[in-house]
Amino acid sequence: MRYRYAVLGAGRQGQAAAFDLAVRGEAAGVVLFDADEGRAHRAAERVNRLAGRTVASAAGLDVRNREQLQSQLEGFDAALSAVPYHFNAFITEAAVRAGTPLCDLGGNTDVVFRQREFDTEARARGIAVVPDCGLAPGTANVLAVYAIRRLEREGLRPEGVKIYCGGLPRRPRGPLDYQLVFSVEGLLNEYLSPAYVLRDGRVQTVEALTELEELELPGVGRCEAFITSGGTSTAPWEYQSKLKSYEYKTVRYPGHCAKIRLLRDLGLLEGEARAVVAQALERTLDFGEPDLVVLRVVCSGSDGEREGSVQLDLWDVQDEATGFTAMERTTGFSAAIVLHQLARGEVAPGVRTPDWAVDPEVYVNELLKRGFRLTETVRRPLALRREPESKSEP
């Protein structure tokens, strides 16, 4: 079976997703839409060159034109929104009414709740919509479900999930020891919006750029991690009756958080100053250093007496053969996994995030097919082995 895909947004992650669909998604065709039609054509040419066949094409489209958007989405087997997160609510509406299954890269939980307002209509029309399908949120949350089920198979009751994720330059460079691996708008959203977590069985709001901790990660070394928004997606609400905690932190090289907090506290990340700083970040942090992605998901629990955990570590680096960065691969390819399942009709109708929409075992297998390094560490305390009672001599 061959499928027709639409990719809205021909930027970094959109190109990566289109390539993955071309080589692994049974694609008959992939149309890359972008407000900059020239960029869409360049992206399609790159995908065709890397895929070794003419499968991608390009078209101009401003997603703010709702009537044109719905018309363009009609007739595709599935569509991906790889444009800034704040467009995703009305893109969801357009996709449902066009009869086209949709997933997106997400990143903002409040937007996801607005998308879920179309759940009833999507179910009635038989259309599946899966928000938050990037790396984190996205892969991280699916791996959390995988870890929860794995811990249950060990006979332990899951109690908490902690997620750590970061996209980093292989060699840190000033002024922030960081380089842009996705849009600056998405980055600032993570740093400035409130974060939703589950603690003591209750959904709570926590300020971003807080609760700093240090940790060692394989292939990276000493890092810092701190609260940011978006990474938990809707999981804190979904797990209120099952878990005590569910939290997410972003990983950076040491010292990064303090520098961003300084910019924020000086008022440079709001109002007119924010636009100036965003331009400066785009200019100074896009220096082309090969990148890496680290993702750690830990699910801990107990059986009432003994405690244990399941830890999943995902690691990826820039692909020299295709030129796709680790962030482009782990975000774009992750979305393409869900998009392929949507096209095949393997996702039930309605609006649900990937941790509830896809089979985690199947998803993990697809990650491994793409060459991502994924390890599992199970910590399960041994139970005391009781010796058989000796029989007394007559």
Foldseek 3Di string as FASTA:
>chain_A
DAFEEEEEDLDQLSLLLLLLCLQPLNHQAYEYEEQPQVSSQVSQVLSCVLSVHNHYYYDYDDVVPLVVLLVVLAPGLAYEYEDDQVSPLSNLVSCLVSVHAYEYLHQAQVSLVSNQVCFVSQQVSFHEYAYNCFQQSRVQLLVQLVFQVVVVVVVWAWAEKEKEKEKAFLAQDDDQRGADPDALVSVLQFQAPWAWKAAQLDIDTDGWLDDKDWDQDPSRGIKIWTGTHRRQRCVSVVCSPRYRIYGYIYIGHPPNSVVVVVCVVVVCCDDPSVVVVSVVRNVPRHPPGKMKMKMKMKIKGGNVPWIKIKIKIKIDTADPSSRRGNSSNRTSVSNSVVRSCSSVVNFGTGYYHPSPTDDSVVSVVSVVVVPIDMDMDITTDDDDDDDDDDDDDD
